[in-house]
C-alpha atoms as a PDB file:
ATOM      1  CA  MET A   1       0.000   0.000   0.000  1.00  0.00           C
ATOM      2  CA  LYS A   2       1.176   3.468  -0.751  1.00  0.00           C
ATOM      3  CA  ASP A   3      -0.064   5.031   2.476  1.00  0.00           C
ATOM      4  CA  ASN A   4      -0.585   3.925   6.057  1.00  0.00           C
ATOM      5  CA  GLN A   5      -4.309   4.528   5.883  1.00  0.00           C
ATOM      6  CA  GLU A   6      -6.333   1.631   7.219  1.00  0.00           C
ATOM      7  CA  LYS A   7      -8.068  -0.484   4.560  1.00  0.00           C
ATOM      8  CA  ILE A   8     -10.443  -3.431   4.731  1.00  0.00           C
ATOM      9  CA  ILE A   9     -10.515  -6.241   2.176  1.00  0.00           C
ATOM     10  CA  LEU A  10     -13.419  -8.649   1.750  1.00  0.00           C
ATOM     11  CA  GLY A  11     -12.420 -11.911   0.107  1.00  0.00           C
ATOM     12  CA  ILE A  12     -14.987 -14.318  -1.304  1.00  0.00           C
ATOM     13  CA  ASP A  13     -14.771 -17.887  -2.524  1.00  0.00           C
ATOM     14  CA  PRO A  14     -18.049 -18.151  -4.451  1.00  0.00           C
ATOM     15  CA  GLY A  15     -20.145 -21.279  -4.528  1.00  0.00           C
ATOM     16  CA  THR A  16     -23.753 -22.413  -4.716  1.00  0.00           C
ATOM     17  CA  THR A  17     -23.315 -25.058  -2.025  1.00  0.00           C
ATOM     18  CA  ILE A  18     -20.984 -23.126   0.299  1.00  0.00           C
ATOM     19  CA  MET A  19     -19.701 -19.579  -0.108  1.00  0.00           C
ATOM     20  CA  GLY A  20     -16.586 -18.807   1.900  1.00  0.00           C
ATOM     21  CA  TYR A  21     -15.600 -15.327   3.016  1.00  0.00           C
ATOM     22  CA  GLY A  22     -12.860 -13.599   4.971  1.00  0.00           C
ATOM     23  CA  LEU A  23     -12.169 -10.022   5.982  1.00  0.00           C
ATOM     24  CA  LEU A  24      -8.765  -8.463   6.552  1.00  0.00           C
ATOM     25  CA  LYS A  25      -7.900  -5.156   8.156  1.00  0.00           C
ATOM     26  CA  VAL A  26      -4.737  -3.685   6.650  1.00  0.00           C
ATOM     27  CA  SER A  27      -2.696  -0.990   8.405  1.00  0.00           C
ATOM     28  CA  GLY A  28       0.469  -0.302   6.432  1.00  0.00           C
ATOM     29  CA  ASN A  29       2.075  -3.739   6.095  1.00  0.00           C
ATOM     30  CA  LYS A  30       0.244  -5.237   9.081  1.00  0.00           C
ATOM     31  CA  THR A  31      -2.774  -7.458   8.480  1.00  0.00           C
ATOM     32  CA  THR A  32      -5.358  -8.649  10.966  1.00  0.00           C
ATOM     33  CA  MET A  33      -8.189 -11.079  10.342  1.00  0.00           C
ATOM     34  CA  MET A  34     -11.479  -9.415  11.221  1.00  0.00           C
ATOM     35  CA  ALA A  35     -13.785 -12.319  10.392  1.00  0.00           C
ATOM     36  CA  MET A  36     -14.130 -15.438   8.317  1.00  0.00           C
ATOM     37  CA  GLY A  37     -16.993 -17.777   7.745  1.00  0.00           C
ATOM     38  CA  VAL A  38     -19.242 -19.590   5.343  1.00  0.00           C
ATOM     39  CA  LEU A  39     -22.708 -19.254   3.971  1.00  0.00           C
ATOM     40  CA  ASP A  40     -24.062 -22.806   3.890  1.00  0.00           C
ATOM     41  CA  LEU A  41     -26.587 -23.127   1.071  1.00  0.00           C
ATOM     42  CA  LYS A  42     -27.102 -26.913   1.118  1.00  0.00           C
ATOM     43  CA  LYS A  43     -30.571 -26.712   2.656  1.00  0.00           C
ATOM     44  CA  TYR A  44     -31.919 -24.575  -0.187  1.00  0.00           C
ATOM     45  CA  LYS A  45     -33.068 -26.526  -3.231  1.00  0.00           C
ATOM     46  CA  ASP A  46     -34.010 -23.609  -5.492  1.00  0.00           C
ATOM     47  CA  HIS A  47     -30.977 -22.226  -7.344  1.00  0.00           C
ATOM     48  CA  TYR A  48     -32.442 -18.716  -7.513  1.00  0.00           C
ATOM     49  CA  GLU A  49     -33.098 -18.716  -3.781  1.00  0.00           C
ATOM     50  CA  LYS A  50     -29.413 -19.612  -3.274  1.00  0.00           C
ATOM     51  CA  LEU A  51     -28.386 -16.684  -5.486  1.00  0.00           C
ATOM     52  CA  GLY A  52     -30.584 -14.358  -3.425  1.00  0.00           C
ATOM     53  CA  LYS A  53     -28.948 -15.612  -0.207  1.00  0.00           C
ATOM     54  CA  ILE A  54     -25.475 -15.024  -1.689  1.00  0.00           C
ATOM     55  CA  PHE A  55     -26.400 -11.475  -2.715  1.00  0.00           C
ATOM     56  CA  ASN A  56     -27.954 -10.661   0.665  1.00  0.00           C
ATOM     57  CA  ARG A  57     -25.078 -12.156   2.703  1.00  0.00           C
ATOM     58  CA  THR A  58     -22.472 -10.329   0.635  1.00  0.00           C
ATOM     59  CA  LEU A  59     -24.408  -7.094   1.023  1.00  0.00           C
ATOM     60  CA  SER A  60     -24.706  -7.603   4.801  1.00  0.00           C
ATOM     61  CA  LEU A  61     -20.927  -8.209   5.065  1.00  0.00           C
ATOM     62  CA  ILE A  62     -20.294  -5.025   3.090  1.00  0.00           C
ATOM     63  CA  ASP A  63     -22.700  -3.017   5.241  1.00  0.00           C
ATOM     64  CA  GLU A  64     -21.257  -4.406   8.484  1.00  0.00           C
ATOM     65  CA  PHE A  65     -17.519  -4.182   7.744  1.00  0.00           C
ATOM     66  CA  LYS A  66     -17.386  -1.390   5.110  1.00  0.00           C
ATOM     67  CA  PRO A  67     -14.634  -2.969   2.963  1.00  0.00           C
ATOM     68  CA  ASP A  68     -12.572  -0.860   0.586  1.00  0.00           C
ATOM     69  CA  TYR A  69     -12.052  -3.762  -1.826  1.00  0.00           C
ATOM     70  CA  LEU A  70     -13.637  -7.047  -2.871  1.00  0.00           C
ATOM     71  CA  ALA A  71     -11.215  -9.802  -3.893  1.00  0.00           C
ATOM     72  CA  ILE A  72     -13.034 -12.750  -5.409  1.00  0.00           C
ATOM     73  CA  GLU A  73     -11.863 -16.089  -6.678  1.00  0.00           C
ATOM     74  CA  ALA A  74     -12.488 -16.375 -10.411  1.00  0.00           C
ATOM     75  CA  PRO A  75     -14.286 -19.467 -11.646  1.00  0.00           C
ATOM     76  CA  PHE A  76     -11.998 -22.024 -13.204  1.00  0.00           C
ATOM     77  CA  PHE A  77     -12.658 -23.821 -16.456  1.00  0.00           C
ATOM     78  CA  GLY A  78     -14.060 -27.292 -15.906  1.00  0.00           C
ATOM     79  CA  LYS A  79     -15.675 -30.035 -17.911  1.00  0.00           C
ATOM     80  CA  ASN A  80     -19.146 -29.692 -16.393  1.00  0.00           C
ATOM     81  CA  VAL A  81     -20.735 -26.724 -18.122  1.00  0.00           C
ATOM     82  CA  GLN A  82     -23.744 -26.643 -15.762  1.00  0.00           C
ATOM     83  CA  SER A  83     -21.466 -26.463 -12.698  1.00  0.00           C
ATOM     84  CA  MET A  84     -19.442 -23.667 -14.294  1.00  0.00           C
ATOM     85  CA  LEU A  85     -22.613 -21.760 -15.112  1.00  0.00           C
ATOM     86  CA  LYS A  86     -23.905 -22.055 -11.534  1.00  0.00           C
ATOM     87  CA  LEU A  87     -20.517 -21.011 -10.121  1.00  0.00           C
ATOM     88  CA  GLY A  88     -20.390 -18.044 -12.493  1.00  0.00           C
ATOM     89  CA  ARG A  89     -23.838 -16.968 -11.349  1.00  0.00           C
ATOM     90  CA  ALA A  90     -22.777 -17.231  -7.693  1.00  0.00           C
ATOM     91  CA  GLN A  91     -19.743 -15.103  -8.422  1.00  0.00           C
ATOM     92  CA  GLY A  92     -21.856 -12.642 -10.399  1.00  0.00           C
ATOM     93  CA  VAL A  93     -24.362 -12.002  -7.624  1.00  0.00           C
ATOM     94  CA  ALA A  94     -21.560 -11.504  -5.065  1.00  0.00           C
ATOM     95  CA  MET A  95     -19.959  -9.039  -7.474  1.00  0.00           C
ATOM     96  CA  SER A  96     -23.331  -7.338  -8.006  1.00  0.00           C
ATOM     97  CA  ALA A  97     -23.606  -6.699  -4.260  1.00  0.00           C
ATOM     98  CA  ALA A  98     -20.168  -5.040  -4.309  1.00  0.00           C
ATOM     99  CA  LEU A  99     -21.061  -3.011  -7.387  1.00  0.00           C
ATOM    100  CA  TYR A 100     -24.309  -1.956  -5.691  1.00  0.00           C
ATOM    101  CA  ARG A 101     -22.217  -0.488  -2.850  1.00  0.00           C
ATOM    102  CA  GLN A 102     -19.536   0.822  -5.256  1.00  0.00           C
ATOM    103  CA  ILE A 103     -16.771  -1.435  -3.932  1.00  0.00           C
ATOM    104  CA  PRO A 104     -13.921  -2.054  -6.418  1.00  0.00           C
ATOM    105  CA  ILE A 105     -13.607  -5.710  -7.441  1.00  0.00           C
ATOM    106  CA  THR A 106     -10.563  -7.743  -8.408  1.00  0.00           C
ATOM    107  CA  GLU A 107     -10.750 -11.343  -9.556  1.00  0.00           C
ATOM    108  CA  TYR A 108      -7.954 -13.788  -8.870  1.00  0.00           C
ATOM    109  CA  ALA A 109      -7.521 -17.181 -10.480  1.00  0.00           C
ATOM    110  CA  PRO A 110      -7.275 -20.023  -7.936  1.00  0.00           C
ATOM    111  CA  LEU A 111      -3.709 -20.704  -9.126  1.00  0.00           C
ATOM    112  CA  LYS A 112      -2.736 -17.067  -8.491  1.00  0.00           C
ATOM    113  CA  ILE A 113      -4.161 -17.163  -4.957  1.00  0.00           C
ATOM    114  CA  LYS A 114      -2.389 -20.425  -4.071  1.00  0.00           C
ATOM    115  CA  MET A 115       0.859 -19.131  -5.556  1.00  0.00           C
ATOM    116  CA  ALA A 116       0.618 -15.859  -3.598  1.00  0.00           C
ATOM    117  CA  ILE A 117      -0.067 -17.623  -0.282  1.00  0.00           C
ATOM    118  CA  THR A 118       2.125 -20.731  -0.510  1.00  0.00           C
ATOM    119  CA  GLY A 119       4.481 -20.142  -3.426  1.00  0.00           C
ATOM    120  CA  ASN A 120       2.979 -23.243  -5.068  1.00  0.00           C
ATOM    121  CA  GLY A 121       0.111 -22.975  -7.544  1.00  0.00           C
ATOM    122  CA  SER A 122      -0.913 -26.580  -6.932  1.00  0.00           C
ATOM    123  CA  ALA A 123      -0.992 -26.325  -3.122  1.00  0.00           C
ATOM    124  CA  SER A 124      -3.858 -28.041  -1.314  1.00  0.00           C
ATOM    125  CA  LYS A 125      -6.632 -26.166   0.477  1.00  0.00           C
ATOM    126  CA  GLU A 126      -5.149 -27.453   3.753  1.00  0.00           C
ATOM    127  CA  GLN A 127      -1.720 -25.978   2.904  1.00  0.00           C
ATOM    128  CA  VAL A 128      -3.300 -22.616   2.063  1.00  0.00           C
ATOM    129  CA  ALA A 129      -5.259 -22.651   5.343  1.00  0.00           C
ATOM    130  CA  ASP A 130      -2.136 -23.515   7.361  1.00  0.00           C
ATOM    131  CA  MET A 131      -0.080 -20.725   5.765  1.00  0.00           C
ATOM    132  CA  LEU A 132      -2.847 -18.197   6.426  1.00  0.00           C
ATOM    133  CA  ARG A 133      -3.054 -19.345  10.042  1.00  0.00           C
ATOM    134  CA  ARG A 134       0.685 -18.684  10.383  1.00  0.00           C
ATOM    135  CA  TYR A 135       0.745 -15.364   8.502  1.00  0.00           C
ATOM    136  CA  LEU A 136      -2.220 -13.956  10.408  1.00  0.00           C
ATOM    137  CA  ASN A 137      -1.438 -15.558  13.794  1.00  0.00           C
ATOM    138  CA  ILE A 138      -4.861 -17.182  13.950  1.00  0.00           C
ATOM    139  CA  PRO A 139      -5.187 -19.530  16.951  1.00  0.00           C
ATOM    140  CA  ALA A 140      -5.820 -23.115  15.826  1.00  0.00           C
ATOM    141  CA  ASP A 141      -9.159 -23.217  17.687  1.00  0.00           C
ATOM    142  CA  GLN A 142     -10.416 -20.277  15.589  1.00  0.00           C
ATOM    143  CA  MET A 143      -9.800 -22.087  12.309  1.00  0.00           C
ATOM    144  CA  LEU A 144     -13.031 -23.306  10.742  1.00  0.00           C
ATOM    145  CA  PRO A 145     -13.398 -26.874   9.482  1.00  0.00           C
ATOM    146  CA  GLN A 146     -14.840 -25.584   6.185  1.00  0.00           C
ATOM    147  CA  LEU A 147     -11.899 -24.723   3.966  1.00  0.00           C
ATOM    148  CA  ASP A 148     -14.152 -22.466   1.875  1.00  0.00           C
ATOM    149  CA  ALA A 149     -13.769 -19.889   4.682  1.00  0.00           C
ATOM    150  CA  THR A 150      -9.973 -19.899   4.420  1.00  0.00           C
ATOM    151  CA  ASP A 151     -10.277 -19.805   0.609  1.00  0.00           C
ATOM    152  CA  GLY A 152     -12.233 -16.556   0.966  1.00  0.00           C
ATOM    153  CA  LEU A 153      -9.637 -15.242   3.405  1.00  0.00           C
ATOM    154  CA  ALA A 154      -6.912 -16.313   0.949  1.00  0.00           C
ATOM    155  CA  ALA A 155      -8.471 -14.161  -1.784  1.00  0.00           C
ATOM    156  CA  ALA A 156      -8.377 -11.174   0.587  1.00  0.00           C
ATOM    157  CA  TYR A 157      -4.747 -11.892   1.583  1.00  0.00           C
ATOM    158  CA  CYS A 158      -3.753 -12.293  -2.061  1.00  0.00           C
ATOM    159  CA  HIS A 159      -5.212  -8.844  -2.737  1.00  0.00           C
ATOM    160  CA  PHE A 160      -3.286  -7.401   0.221  1.00  0.00           C
ATOM    161  CA  LEU A 161      -0.061  -8.784  -1.272  1.00  0.00           C
ATOM    162  CA  GLN A 162      -0.897  -7.096  -4.591  1.00  0.00           C
ATOM    163  CA  LEU A 163      -1.728  -3.669  -3.125  1.00  0.00           C
ATOM    164  CA  GLY A 164       1.919  -2.611  -2.975  1.00  0.00           C
ATOM    165  CA  LYS A 165       2.505  -3.679  -6.555  1.00  0.00           C
ATOM    166  CA  PRO A 166      -0.647  -2.949  -8.560  1.00  0.00           C
ATOM    167  CA  GLU A 167       1.078  -3.523 -11.885  1.00  0.00           C
ATOM    168  CA  SER A 168       1.243  -7.236 -11.089  1.00  0.00           C
ATOM    169  CA  VAL A 169      -2.466  -7.613 -10.294  1.00  0.00           C
ATOM    170  CA  LYS A 170      -4.035  -9.945 -12.806  1.00  0.00           C
ATOM    171  CA  ALA A 171      -7.549  -8.571 -12.896  1.00  0.00           C
ATOM    172  CA  TYR A 172      -9.889  -9.863 -15.577  1.00  0.00           C
ATOM    173  CA  ARG A 173     -12.440  -7.783 -17.412  1.00  0.00           C
ATOM    174  CA  GLY A 174     -14.419 -10.855 -18.417  1.00  0.00           C
ATOM    175  CA  TRP A 175     -14.138 -14.354 -19.853  1.00  0.00           C
ATOM    176  CA  LYS A 176     -12.479 -13.253 -23.093  1.00  0.00           C
ATOM    177  CA  ASP A 177      -9.843 -11.373 -21.093  1.00  0.00           C
ATOM    178  CA  PHE A 178      -9.325 -14.406 -18.813  1.00  0.00           C
ATOM    179  CA  VAL A 179      -8.872 -16.691 -21.839  1.00  0.00           C
ATOM    180  CA  ALA A 180      -6.463 -14.232 -23.477  1.00  0.00           C
ATOM    181  CA  LYS A 181      -4.300 -14.085 -20.330  1.00  0.00           C
ATOM    182  CA  ASN A 182      -4.422 -17.837 -19.605  1.00  0.00           C
ATOM    183  CA  GLN A 183      -3.823 -19.566 -22.929  1.00  0.00           C
ATOM    184  CA  ASP A 184      -1.895 -22.363 -21.180  1.00  0.00           C
ATOM    185  CA  LYS A 185      -5.025 -23.333 -19.198  1.00  0.00           C
ATOM    186  CA  VAL A 186      -7.549 -23.241 -22.025  1.00  0.00           C
ATOM    187  CA  ILE A 187      -8.592 -26.484 -23.672  1.00  0.00           C
ATOM    188  CA  LYS A 188      -9.061 -25.857 -27.356  1.00  0.00           C
ATOM    189  CA  LYS A 189     -11.864 -27.449 -29.332  1.00  0.00           C
ATOM    190  CA  GLY A 190     -10.942 -31.016 -30.255  1.00  0.00           C
ATOM    191  CA  GLU A 191      -8.285 -31.346 -27.470  1.00  0.00           C
ATOM    192  CA  LYS A 192      -8.681 -33.453 -24.343  1.00  0.00           C
END
């Protein structure tokens, strides 16, 4: 960060079964976890009801903590088109809540987040959670069993690491931009 002004970062790991979130307070180079948790959507059968819950929970987090930034995990390309569509919708409604409150949004690919936290783009969720626990001095008994919560916190921490060097932030303006910047991850038609 360029100044010592206090900033708050909301990180979200979107999902239609479980949405993870984490909030960081940043003062200069010092970070403190403010909160982390999950929105469990398993009991809701209607997909649109789940999207409404995601929007409302994201909005309530924004209204409660007043974040300066939203860092959100970008959907990854998978083989199941329906799952990707649902995940994209979950991400979209979380982003809509931030846009509604005029919070700047940055998307981070899962690989980028893992690399920023652990130095290894193929690190496990458990490794990411353990590194965050160490970096943020989170007591073991405050760690949640749902790793979606630490994935949300990881998105926020990744954004913190990028604040001092904005030229290295890999923000995407949409799917075409993501594809253009990630040619090595894109499966071309006819390939397996």
